[in-house]
């Protein structure tokens, strides 16, 4: 596993985004690898420091004073005076310094606001971004599942016991998409059941987020970070299917899953 892969896992662990099996495996590596443990401590320290950053409050009075610093002095002429009447170099330097200081303060304020917008706790990624990130991390982990079984009567009770809810878990082996197992993902702060299917060497993550009964939406295909995604809503769940399969193959999988899970 590369250093970049390790950093992805460490950052995911610091954000409590790893599934139980992956987190346990990484904890064992941290106990045996001092360098990796130091990197995890560094990531934790940076996360804690960023969390303490407060958004600067800029009052109207402060903004007015900054504007006054940048404004030309009252009565200043737009035409340069003759050389004999020009102020000494020191005075000119002071005026230039005042304008530069105003520019720096404004730039610092804008940078602080931008930093806050990027790292503030409320600036959460979209559900799709979280789901794609979870799929990518599962490919890097030692195991992509928490419960390994191709038998749907094992996977569904496992979800019921863990979350109190389970989507349909059909085995699609006859269609070339065998069920591998399941895991729990966290989407928008909510733990949700996640199925894992296989197509040859390719894994397919199917996140099933509970929604209000009666909602329905036809499949919509998209791409994110090189992964193909199909999203739809049916019978109390919003589904996201994510894989590096070609779009037509992923579409065939979704069609087979919908036919088995939601027969009309």
C-alpha atoms as a PDB file:
ATOM      1  CA  UNK A   1       0.000   0.000   0.000  1.00  0.00           C
ATOM      2  CA  UNK A   2       1.383   3.427  -0.960  1.00  0.00           C
ATOM      3  CA  UNK A   3       1.960   6.377   1.361  1.00  0.00           C
ATOM      4  CA  UNK A   4      -0.961   8.198  -0.282  1.00  0.00           C
ATOM      5  CA  UNK A   5      -3.231   5.227   0.418  1.00  0.00           C
ATOM      6  CA  UNK A   6      -2.089   5.233   4.052  1.00  0.00           C
ATOM      7  CA  UNK A   7      -2.840   8.959   4.367  1.00  0.00           C
ATOM      8  CA  UNK A   8      -6.331   8.438   2.967  1.00  0.00           C
ATOM      9  CA  UNK A   9      -6.998   5.747   5.561  1.00  0.00           C
ATOM     10  CA  UNK A  10      -5.494   7.790   8.403  1.00  0.00           C
ATOM     11  CA  UNK A  11      -7.581  10.843   7.515  1.00  0.00           C
ATOM     12  CA  UNK A  12     -10.686   8.689   7.243  1.00  0.00           C
ATOM     13  CA  UNK A  13      -9.959   7.193  10.663  1.00  0.00           C
ATOM     14  CA  UNK A  14      -9.452  10.656  12.178  1.00  0.00           C
ATOM     15  CA  UNK A  15     -12.896  11.599  10.821  1.00  0.00           C
ATOM     16  CA  UNK A  16     -14.491   8.365  12.135  1.00  0.00           C
ATOM     17  CA  UNK A  17     -15.380   7.315   8.601  1.00  0.00           C
ATOM     18  CA  UNK A  18     -13.910   3.802   8.558  1.00  0.00           C
ATOM     19  CA  UNK A  19     -15.992   0.698   8.995  1.00  0.00           C
ATOM     20  CA  UNK A  20     -15.305  -1.411  12.069  1.00  0.00           C
ATOM     21  CA  UNK A  21     -13.171  -4.043  10.337  1.00  0.00           C
ATOM     22  CA  UNK A  22     -10.966  -1.500   8.555  1.00  0.00           C
ATOM     23  CA  UNK A  23     -10.529   0.594  11.705  1.00  0.00           C
ATOM     24  CA  UNK A  24      -9.457  -2.482  13.698  1.00  0.00           C
ATOM     25  CA  UNK A  25      -6.936  -3.498  11.038  1.00  0.00           C
ATOM     26  CA  UNK A  26      -5.511   0.031  10.932  1.00  0.00           C
ATOM     27  CA  UNK A  27      -5.248   0.192  14.736  1.00  0.00           C
ATOM     28  CA  UNK A  28      -3.145  -2.969  14.651  1.00  0.00           C
ATOM     29  CA  UNK A  29      -0.856  -1.398  12.060  1.00  0.00           C
ATOM     30  CA  UNK A  30      -0.541   1.758  14.170  1.00  0.00           C
ATOM     31  CA  UNK A  31       0.496  -0.327  17.172  1.00  0.00           C
ATOM     32  CA  UNK A  32       3.215  -2.048  15.142  1.00  0.00           C
ATOM     33  CA  UNK A  33       4.436   0.912  13.057  1.00  0.00           C
ATOM     34  CA  UNK A  34       5.764   3.944  15.027  1.00  0.00           C
ATOM     35  CA  UNK A  35       6.159   6.073  11.890  1.00  0.00           C
ATOM     36  CA  UNK A  36       2.554   5.467  10.906  1.00  0.00           C
ATOM     37  CA  UNK A  37       1.445   6.225  14.467  1.00  0.00           C
ATOM     38  CA  UNK A  38       3.326   9.555  14.398  1.00  0.00           C
ATOM     39  CA  UNK A  39       1.644  10.483  11.125  1.00  0.00           C
ATOM     40  CA  UNK A  40      -1.753   9.698  12.653  1.00  0.00           C
ATOM     41  CA  UNK A  41      -0.917  11.889  15.676  1.00  0.00           C
ATOM     42  CA  UNK A  42       0.104  14.706  13.317  1.00  0.00           C
ATOM     43  CA  UNK A  43      -3.177  14.445  11.405  1.00  0.00           C
ATOM     44  CA  UNK A  44      -5.083  14.499  14.693  1.00  0.00           C
ATOM     45  CA  UNK A  45      -3.194  17.590  15.852  1.00  0.00           C
ATOM     46  CA  UNK A  46      -3.914  19.423  12.591  1.00  0.00           C
ATOM     47  CA  UNK A  47      -7.587  18.455  12.787  1.00  0.00           C
ATOM     48  CA  UNK A  48      -7.799  19.734  16.369  1.00  0.00           C
ATOM     49  CA  UNK A  49      -6.060  23.003  15.462  1.00  0.00           C
ATOM     50  CA  UNK A  50      -8.362  23.605  12.504  1.00  0.00           C
ATOM     51  CA  UNK A  51     -11.361  22.888  14.709  1.00  0.00           C
ATOM     52  CA  UNK A  52     -10.315  25.695  17.062  1.00  0.00           C
ATOM     53  CA  UNK A  53     -10.165  28.315  14.310  1.00  0.00           C
ATOM     54  CA  UNK A  54     -12.929  30.866  14.729  1.00  0.00           C
ATOM     55  CA  UNK A  55     -14.380  32.933  11.949  1.00  0.00           C
ATOM     56  CA  UNK A  56     -13.246  36.543  12.366  1.00  0.00           C
ATOM     57  CA  UNK A  57     -16.098  38.961  13.023  1.00  0.00           C
ATOM     58  CA  UNK A  58     -15.628  42.115  10.954  1.00  0.00           C
ATOM     59  CA  UNK A  59     -17.675  45.050  12.257  1.00  0.00           C
ATOM     60  CA  UNK A  60     -18.981  47.888  10.093  1.00  0.00           C
ATOM     61  CA  UNK A  61     -16.685  50.276  11.977  1.00  0.00           C
ATOM     62  CA  UNK A  62     -13.628  48.134  11.189  1.00  0.00           C
ATOM     63  CA  UNK A  63     -14.575  47.963   7.511  1.00  0.00           C
ATOM     64  CA  UNK A  64     -15.012  51.742   7.436  1.00  0.00           C
ATOM     65  CA  UNK A  65     -11.566  52.292   8.976  1.00  0.00           C
ATOM     66  CA  UNK A  66      -9.966  49.984   6.401  1.00  0.00           C
ATOM     67  CA  UNK A  67     -11.723  51.866   3.609  1.00  0.00           C
ATOM     68  CA  UNK A  68     -10.448  55.143   5.058  1.00  0.00           C
ATOM     69  CA  UNK A  69      -6.876  53.835   5.073  1.00  0.00           C
ATOM     70  CA  UNK A  70      -7.085  52.900   1.416  1.00  0.00           C
ATOM     71  CA  UNK A  71      -8.820  56.121   0.319  1.00  0.00           C
ATOM     72  CA  UNK A  72      -6.759  59.104  -0.920  1.00  0.00           C
ATOM     73  CA  UNK A  73      -6.340  61.969   1.529  1.00  0.00           C
ATOM     74  CA  UNK A  74      -8.935  64.744   1.388  1.00  0.00           C
ATOM     75  CA  UNK A  75      -8.032  67.454  -1.073  1.00  0.00           C
ATOM     76  CA  UNK A  76      -5.405  65.381  -2.852  1.00  0.00           C
ATOM     77  CA  UNK A  77      -5.030  66.330  -6.494  1.00  0.00           C
ATOM     78  CA  UNK A  78      -5.177  63.712  -9.232  1.00  0.00           C
ATOM     79  CA  UNK A  79      -2.412  65.629 -11.054  1.00  0.00           C
ATOM     80  CA  UNK A  80       1.117  65.257  -9.735  1.00  0.00           C
ATOM     81  CA  UNK A  81       2.416  68.581  -8.333  1.00  0.00           C
ATOM     82  CA  UNK A  82       5.617  70.125  -9.620  1.00  0.00           C
ATOM     83  CA  UNK A  83       8.799  68.644  -8.264  1.00  0.00           C
ATOM     84  CA  UNK A  84       9.384  71.625  -5.966  1.00  0.00           C
ATOM     85  CA  UNK A  85       5.988  71.136  -4.356  1.00  0.00           C
ATOM     86  CA  UNK A  86       6.117  67.344  -4.048  1.00  0.00           C
ATOM     87  CA  UNK A  87       6.306  65.942  -0.515  1.00  0.00           C
ATOM     88  CA  UNK A  88       9.517  64.472   0.717  1.00  0.00           C
ATOM     89  CA  UNK A  89      10.256  60.797  -0.079  1.00  0.00           C
ATOM     90  CA  UNK A  90       9.549  59.824   3.519  1.00  0.00           C
ATOM     91  CA  UNK A  91       6.004  61.198   3.377  1.00  0.00           C
ATOM     92  CA  UNK A  92       5.352  59.419   0.060  1.00  0.00           C
ATOM     93  CA  UNK A  93       6.661  56.169   1.553  1.00  0.00           C
ATOM     94  CA  UNK A  94       4.288  56.558   4.516  1.00  0.00           C
ATOM     95  CA  UNK A  95       1.307  57.028   2.191  1.00  0.00           C
ATOM     96  CA  UNK A  96       2.360  53.978   0.169  1.00  0.00           C
ATOM     97  CA  UNK A  97       2.782  51.991   3.375  1.00  0.00           C
ATOM     98  CA  UNK A  98      -0.721  52.971   4.538  1.00  0.00           C
ATOM     99  CA  UNK A  99      -2.238  51.757   1.269  1.00  0.00           C
ATOM    100  CA  UNK A 100      -0.184  48.567   1.379  1.00  0.00           C
ATOM    101  CA  UNK A 101      -1.228  47.899   4.970  1.00  0.00           C
ATOM    102  CA  UNK A 102      -4.877  48.352   4.063  1.00  0.00           C
ATOM    103  CA  UNK A 103      -4.500  45.919   1.173  1.00  0.00           C
ATOM    104  CA  UNK A 104      -2.804  43.359   3.399  1.00  0.00           C
ATOM    105  CA  UNK A 105      -5.505  43.603   6.074  1.00  0.00           C
ATOM    106  CA  UNK A 106      -8.266  43.198   3.502  1.00  0.00           C
ATOM    107  CA  UNK A 107      -6.452  40.247   1.909  1.00  0.00           C
ATOM    108  CA  UNK A 108      -5.944  38.624   5.306  1.00  0.00           C
ATOM    109  CA  UNK A 109      -9.624  39.025   6.120  1.00  0.00           C
ATOM    110  CA  UNK A 110     -10.640  37.480   2.824  1.00  0.00           C
ATOM    111  CA  UNK A 111      -8.191  34.614   3.305  1.00  0.00           C
ATOM    112  CA  UNK A 112      -9.506  33.967   6.805  1.00  0.00           C
ATOM    113  CA  UNK A 113     -13.059  33.891   5.529  1.00  0.00           C
ATOM    114  CA  UNK A 114     -12.095  31.506   2.746  1.00  0.00           C
ATOM    115  CA  UNK A 115     -10.271  29.244   5.180  1.00  0.00           C
ATOM    116  CA  UNK A 116     -13.310  29.185   7.432  1.00  0.00           C
ATOM    117  CA  UNK A 117     -15.567  28.316   4.519  1.00  0.00           C
ATOM    118  CA  UNK A 118     -13.290  25.412   3.616  1.00  0.00           C
ATOM    119  CA  UNK A 119     -12.815  23.913   7.072  1.00  0.00           C
ATOM    120  CA  UNK A 120     -15.864  24.966   9.096  1.00  0.00           C
ATOM    121  CA  UNK A 121     -17.717  22.044  10.658  1.00  0.00           C
ATOM    122  CA  UNK A 122     -20.887  22.908   8.747  1.00  0.00           C
ATOM    123  CA  UNK A 123     -19.172  22.713   5.365  1.00  0.00           C
ATOM    124  CA  UNK A 124     -19.943  19.057   4.799  1.00  0.00           C
ATOM    125  CA  UNK A 125     -19.546  17.244   1.484  1.00  0.00           C
ATOM    126  CA  UNK A 126     -22.588  16.118  -0.495  1.00  0.00           C
ATOM    127  CA  UNK A 127     -24.078  12.674   0.075  1.00  0.00           C
ATOM    128  CA  UNK A 128     -22.720  11.542  -3.284  1.00  0.00           C
ATOM    129  CA  UNK A 129     -19.203  12.703  -2.388  1.00  0.00           C
ATOM    130  CA  UNK A 130     -19.396  10.807   0.913  1.00  0.00           C
ATOM    131  CA  UNK A 131     -20.622   7.657  -0.810  1.00  0.00           C
ATOM    132  CA  UNK A 132     -17.913   7.765  -3.478  1.00  0.00           C
ATOM    133  CA  UNK A 133     -15.326   8.379  -0.737  1.00  0.00           C
ATOM    134  CA  UNK A 134     -16.629   5.361   1.175  1.00  0.00           C
ATOM    135  CA  UNK A 135     -16.403   3.182  -1.933  1.00  0.00           C
ATOM    136  CA  UNK A 136     -12.845   4.339  -2.604  1.00  0.00           C
ATOM    137  CA  UNK A 137     -11.785   3.652   0.987  1.00  0.00           C
ATOM    138  CA  UNK A 138     -13.332   0.196   0.854  1.00  0.00           C
ATOM    139  CA  UNK A 139     -11.091  -0.625  -2.105  1.00  0.00           C
ATOM    140  CA  UNK A 140      -8.030   0.420  -0.093  1.00  0.00           C
ATOM    141  CA  UNK A 141      -9.048  -1.466   3.047  1.00  0.00           C
ATOM    142  CA  UNK A 142      -8.148  -5.071   3.801  1.00  0.00           C
ATOM    143  CA  UNK A 143     -11.847  -5.927   3.499  1.00  0.00           C
ATOM    144  CA  UNK A 144     -14.681  -4.084   1.770  1.00  0.00           C
ATOM    145  CA  UNK A 145     -17.342  -5.643   3.996  1.00  0.00           C
ATOM    146  CA  UNK A 146     -18.299  -6.081   7.651  1.00  0.00           C
ATOM    147  CA  UNK A 147     -20.330  -9.234   7.062  1.00  0.00           C
ATOM    148  CA  UNK A 148     -19.195 -11.659   4.362  1.00  0.00           C
ATOM    149  CA  UNK A 149     -21.920 -13.771   2.849  1.00  0.00           C
ATOM    150  CA  UNK A 150     -23.439 -14.518  -0.514  1.00  0.00           C
ATOM    151  CA  UNK A 151     -26.558 -15.700   1.292  1.00  0.00           C
ATOM    152  CA  UNK A 152     -29.134 -12.924   1.538  1.00  0.00           C
ATOM    153  CA  UNK A 153     -30.735 -14.496   4.608  1.00  0.00           C
ATOM    154  CA  UNK A 154     -27.485 -13.800   6.469  1.00  0.00           C
ATOM    155  CA  UNK A 155     -26.926 -10.228   5.287  1.00  0.00           C
ATOM    156  CA  UNK A 156     -30.442  -8.913   5.850  1.00  0.00           C
ATOM    157  CA  UNK A 157     -30.745 -10.043   9.507  1.00  0.00           C
ATOM    158  CA  UNK A 158     -27.281  -8.576  10.144  1.00  0.00           C
ATOM    159  CA  UNK A 159     -28.496  -5.142   8.982  1.00  0.00           C
ATOM    160  CA  UNK A 160     -31.681  -5.500  11.019  1.00  0.00           C
ATOM    161  CA  UNK A 161     -29.652  -6.258  14.147  1.00  0.00           C
ATOM    162  CA  UNK A 162     -27.176  -3.417  13.564  1.00  0.00           C
ATOM    163  CA  UNK A 163     -29.448  -0.665  12.261  1.00  0.00           C
ATOM    164  CA  UNK A 164     -33.005  -1.808  12.749  1.00  0.00           C
ATOM    165  CA  UNK A 165     -33.606  -1.530   9.008  1.00  0.00           C
ATOM    166  CA  UNK A 166     -32.524  -3.454   5.920  1.00  0.00           C
ATOM    167  CA  UNK A 167     -33.027  -3.016   2.191  1.00  0.00           C
ATOM    168  CA  UNK A 168     -33.810  -5.987  -0.049  1.00  0.00           C
ATOM    169  CA  UNK A 169     -30.656  -8.102  -0.450  1.00  0.00           C
ATOM    170  CA  UNK A 170     -31.160 -10.239  -3.555  1.00  0.00           C
ATOM    171  CA  UNK A 171     -28.377 -12.474  -4.816  1.00  0.00           C
ATOM    172  CA  UNK A 172     -27.813 -11.696  -8.482  1.00  0.00           C
ATOM    173  CA  UNK A 173     -25.362 -14.514  -9.250  1.00  0.00           C
ATOM    174  CA  UNK A 174     -27.564 -15.726 -12.081  1.00  0.00           C
ATOM    175  CA  UNK A 175     -27.131 -12.314 -13.711  1.00  0.00           C
ATOM    176  CA  UNK A 176     -23.375 -12.294 -13.183  1.00  0.00           C
ATOM    177  CA  UNK A 177     -23.405 -10.053 -10.094  1.00  0.00           C
ATOM    178  CA  UNK A 178     -22.952 -12.229  -6.983  1.00  0.00           C
ATOM    179  CA  UNK A 179     -23.651 -10.754  -3.549  1.00  0.00           C
ATOM    180  CA  UNK A 180     -20.411 -10.471  -1.542  1.00  0.00           C
ATOM    181  CA  UNK A 181     -21.749  -9.107   1.753  1.00  0.00           C
ATOM    182  CA  UNK A 182     -22.526  -5.851   3.478  1.00  0.00           C
ATOM    183  CA  UNK A 183     -21.183  -3.069   5.651  1.00  0.00           C
ATOM    184  CA  UNK A 184     -22.364   0.103   7.361  1.00  0.00           C
ATOM    185  CA  UNK A 185     -21.530   3.480   5.822  1.00  0.00           C
ATOM    186  CA  UNK A 186     -22.166   6.904   7.345  1.00  0.00           C
ATOM    187  CA  UNK A 187     -23.938   9.385   5.055  1.00  0.00           C
ATOM    188  CA  UNK A 188     -24.782  12.880   6.318  1.00  0.00           C
ATOM    189  CA  UNK A 189     -24.114  11.650   9.847  1.00  0.00           C
ATOM    190  CA  UNK A 190     -26.537   8.741   9.511  1.00  0.00           C
ATOM    191  CA  UNK A 191     -25.424   5.066   9.513  1.00  0.00           C
ATOM    192  CA  UNK A 192     -26.912   3.361   6.472  1.00  0.00           C
ATOM    193  CA  UNK A 193     -26.908  -0.218   5.145  1.00  0.00           C
ATOM    194  CA  UNK A 194     -24.519  -0.827   2.276  1.00  0.00           C
ATOM    195  CA  UNK A 195     -24.492  -3.892   0.024  1.00  0.00           C
ATOM    196  CA  UNK A 196     -21.455  -5.086  -1.912  1.00  0.00           C
ATOM    197  CA  UNK A 197     -21.702  -7.005  -5.177  1.00  0.00           C
ATOM    198  CA  UNK A 198     -19.016  -8.241  -7.544  1.00  0.00           C
ATOM    199  CA  UNK A 199     -18.588  -8.327 -11.296  1.00  0.00           C
ATOM    200  CA  UNK A 200     -15.373 -10.179 -12.083  1.00  0.00           C
ATOM    201  CA  UNK A 201     -12.589  -8.189 -10.368  1.00  0.00           C
ATOM    202  CA  UNK A 202     -14.847  -5.150  -9.885  1.00  0.00           C
ATOM    203  CA  UNK A 203     -16.748  -4.374  -6.694  1.00  0.00           C
ATOM    204  CA  UNK A 204     -20.078  -2.549  -6.701  1.00  0.00           C
ATOM    205  CA  UNK A 205     -21.112  -0.553  -3.641  1.00  0.00           C
ATOM    206  CA  UNK A 206     -24.857  -0.106  -3.162  1.00  0.00           C
ATOM    207  CA  UNK A 207     -25.768   2.379  -0.427  1.00  0.00           C
ATOM    208  CA  UNK A 208     -29.423   2.254   0.640  1.00  0.00           C
ATOM    209  CA  UNK A 209     -30.433   5.312   2.660  1.00  0.00           C
ATOM    210  CA  UNK A 210     -33.882   5.129   4.292  1.00  0.00           C
ATOM    211  CA  UNK A 211     -36.331   7.808   3.104  1.00  0.00           C
ATOM    212  CA  UNK A 212     -40.025   8.511   3.532  1.00  0.00           C
ATOM    213  CA  UNK A 213     -42.309   5.818   2.186  1.00  0.00           C
ATOM    214  CA  UNK A 214     -43.942   6.619  -1.116  1.00  0.00           C
ATOM    215  CA  UNK A 215     -41.008   8.523  -2.602  1.00  0.00           C
ATOM    216  CA  UNK A 216     -39.823   7.282  -5.984  1.00  0.00           C
ATOM    217  CA  UNK A 217     -37.322   8.398  -8.604  1.00  0.00           C
ATOM    218  CA  UNK A 218     -36.082   6.769 -11.771  1.00  0.00           C
ATOM    219  CA  UNK A 219     -32.364   5.903 -12.153  1.00  0.00           C
ATOM    220  CA  UNK A 220     -30.055   8.809 -12.938  1.00  0.00           C
ATOM    221  CA  UNK A 221     -26.481   8.112 -14.061  1.00  0.00           C
ATOM    222  CA  UNK A 222     -23.484  10.331 -13.287  1.00  0.00           C
ATOM    223  CA  UNK A 223     -19.735  10.153 -12.708  1.00  0.00           C
ATOM    224  CA  UNK A 224     -17.553  11.326  -9.825  1.00  0.00           C
ATOM    225  CA  UNK A 225     -13.761  11.016  -9.512  1.00  0.00           C
ATOM    226  CA  UNK A 226     -13.714   8.445 -12.322  1.00  0.00           C
ATOM    227  CA  UNK A 227     -16.419   6.238 -10.805  1.00  0.00           C
ATOM    228  CA  UNK A 228     -19.765   5.576 -12.455  1.00  0.00           C
ATOM    229  CA  UNK A 229     -22.801   6.195 -10.259  1.00  0.00           C
ATOM    230  CA  UNK A 230     -26.484   5.399 -10.629  1.00  0.00           C
ATOM    231  CA  UNK A 231     -28.999   6.838  -8.172  1.00  0.00           C
ATOM    232  CA  UNK A 232     -32.692   6.021  -7.765  1.00  0.00           C
ATOM    233  CA  UNK A 233     -35.386   5.920  -5.077  1.00  0.00           C
ATOM    234  CA  UNK A 234     -37.874   3.137  -4.460  1.00  0.00           C
ATOM    235  CA  UNK A 235     -39.943   1.678  -1.616  1.00  0.00           C
ATOM    236  CA  UNK A 236     -38.479   3.559   1.300  1.00  0.00           C
ATOM    237  CA  UNK A 237     -34.832   3.768   0.186  1.00  0.00           C
ATOM    238  CA  UNK A 238     -32.665   6.082  -1.890  1.00  0.00           C
ATOM    239  CA  UNK A 239     -30.044   3.951  -3.610  1.00  0.00           C
ATOM    240  CA  UNK A 240     -26.598   4.833  -4.916  1.00  0.00           C
ATOM    241  CA  UNK A 241     -24.707   2.204  -6.934  1.00  0.00           C
ATOM    242  CA  UNK A 242     -21.011   3.078  -7.329  1.00  0.00           C
ATOM    243  CA  UNK A 243     -18.328   1.174  -9.247  1.00  0.00           C
ATOM    244  CA  UNK A 244     -15.471   1.467 -11.702  1.00  0.00           C
ATOM    245  CA  UNK A 245     -17.474  -0.766 -14.043  1.00  0.00           C
ATOM    246  CA  UNK A 246     -18.281   0.665 -17.449  1.00  0.00           C
ATOM    247  CA  UNK A 247     -21.515   2.629 -17.447  1.00  0.00           C
ATOM    248  CA  UNK A 248     -23.452   0.044 -19.540  1.00  0.00           C
ATOM    249  CA  UNK A 249     -22.453  -2.795 -17.175  1.00  0.00           C
ATOM    250  CA  UNK A 250     -23.388  -0.776 -14.105  1.00  0.00           C
ATOM    251  CA  UNK A 251     -26.684   0.061 -15.776  1.00  0.00           C
ATOM    252  CA  UNK A 252     -27.320  -3.649 -16.375  1.00  0.00           C
ATOM    253  CA  UNK A 253     -26.584  -4.337 -12.704  1.00  0.00           C
ATOM    254  CA  UNK A 254     -29.020  -1.655 -11.555  1.00  0.00           C
ATOM    255  CA  UNK A 255     -31.692  -3.033 -13.868  1.00  0.00           C
ATOM    256  CA  UNK A 256     -31.188  -6.544 -12.445  1.00  0.00           C
ATOM    257  CA  UNK A 257     -31.191  -5.278  -8.841  1.00  0.00           C
ATOM    258  CA  UNK A 258     -34.362  -3.236  -9.322  1.00  0.00           C
ATOM    259  CA  UNK A 259     -36.124  -6.143 -11.004  1.00  0.00           C
ATOM    260  CA  UNK A 260     -35.245  -8.480  -8.130  1.00  0.00           C
ATOM    261  CA  UNK A 261     -35.747  -6.033  -5.261  1.00  0.00           C
ATOM    262  CA  UNK A 262     -38.763  -4.147  -6.560  1.00  0.00           C
ATOM    263  CA  UNK A 263     -40.726  -6.389  -8.934  1.00  0.00           C
ATOM    264  CA  UNK A 264     -43.700  -4.710 -10.562  1.00  0.00           C
END
